[in-house]
């Protein structure tokens, strides 16, 4: 199956916030954290590119996504697609 109409992917790297803002308590919810490993991201990107035959735009989000450890690797993997 090839899909050629998906051109944008919204990707939440993690909902674990590294900041401890006074007005927010999201960082206290450690039991509810969600994050995806770089290996899982590579696997997911491989699967997506086998289904989608157009260039995609990827939006990294979630918590403070620019502070996610390894963000450069997520971006590097994404640039291949």
Protein backbone atom coordinates (compact mmCIF):
# COMPACT_ATOMS: atom_id res chain seq x y z
CA UNK A 1 0.00 0.00 0.00
CA UNK A 2 1.38 3.39 -0.97
CA UNK A 3 -0.05 6.60 0.38
CA UNK A 4 0.79 9.81 -1.40
CA UNK A 5 -1.42 12.35 0.34
CA UNK A 6 0.19 12.41 3.81
CA UNK A 7 2.65 15.24 3.85
CA UNK A 8 2.81 16.22 7.50
CA UNK A 9 3.53 14.19 10.64
CA UNK A 10 2.96 15.51 14.15
CA UNK A 11 5.36 13.65 16.43
CA UNK A 12 5.28 13.91 20.21
CA UNK A 13 8.72 12.86 21.41
CA UNK A 14 7.79 12.92 25.08
CA UNK A 15 5.26 14.33 27.47
CA UNK A 16 7.91 14.46 30.20
CA UNK A 17 8.69 18.09 30.85
CA UNK A 18 12.19 19.01 31.98
CA UNK A 19 11.08 22.40 33.27
CA UNK A 20 9.54 22.89 36.67
CA UNK A 21 7.34 25.90 36.06
CA UNK A 22 5.49 27.20 39.10
CA UNK A 23 2.19 27.56 37.25
CA UNK A 24 2.25 23.99 35.88
CA UNK A 25 2.36 20.60 37.57
CA UNK A 26 2.84 18.44 34.47
CA UNK A 27 6.44 17.73 35.48
CA UNK A 28 5.18 16.04 38.68
CA UNK A 29 3.30 13.33 36.76
CA UNK A 30 6.26 10.95 36.40
CA UNK A 31 3.97 7.89 36.32
CA UNK A 32 2.19 9.27 33.26
CA UNK A 33 5.27 10.01 31.17
CA UNK A 34 5.51 8.86 27.61
CA UNK A 35 8.57 8.89 25.45
CA UNK A 36 9.81 7.05 22.39
CA UNK A 37 13.33 5.75 22.05
CA UNK A 38 15.54 6.58 19.10
CA UNK A 39 15.43 2.91 18.03
CA UNK A 40 11.61 2.99 18.07
CA UNK A 41 11.67 6.24 16.07
CA UNK A 42 13.97 4.66 13.45
CA UNK A 43 11.65 1.63 13.21
CA UNK A 44 8.56 3.85 12.91
CA UNK A 45 10.18 6.02 10.24
CA UNK A 46 11.20 2.93 8.26
CA UNK A 47 7.61 1.67 8.42
CA UNK A 48 6.17 5.04 7.42
CA UNK A 49 8.47 5.45 4.46
CA UNK A 50 7.49 2.02 3.21
CA UNK A 51 3.88 3.28 3.14
CA UNK A 52 4.31 6.91 2.14
CA UNK A 53 6.03 7.77 -1.10
CA UNK A 54 6.30 11.56 -0.75
CA UNK A 55 8.54 13.85 1.28
CA UNK A 56 7.08 14.57 4.70
CA UNK A 57 7.28 17.52 7.05
CA UNK A 58 7.73 16.45 10.65
CA UNK A 59 6.78 18.55 13.67
CA UNK A 60 8.57 17.51 16.85
CA UNK A 61 6.62 18.44 19.94
CA UNK A 62 5.94 17.36 23.47
CA UNK A 63 6.94 18.93 26.73
CA UNK A 64 9.96 21.08 25.90
CA UNK A 65 11.01 19.17 22.81
CA UNK A 66 14.14 21.24 22.22
CA UNK A 67 15.46 19.97 25.57
CA UNK A 68 14.91 16.27 24.80
CA UNK A 69 18.20 14.34 25.07
CA UNK A 70 19.18 12.99 21.66
CA UNK A 71 17.00 15.41 19.68
CA UNK A 72 19.78 15.70 17.11
CA UNK A 73 19.53 11.96 16.44
CA UNK A 74 15.74 12.14 15.94
CA UNK A 75 16.26 14.97 13.46
CA UNK A 76 19.13 13.17 11.71
CA UNK A 77 16.98 10.06 11.22
CA UNK A 78 14.09 12.19 10.00
CA UNK A 79 16.23 14.02 7.44
CA UNK A 80 16.80 10.74 5.61
CA UNK A 81 13.12 10.65 4.77
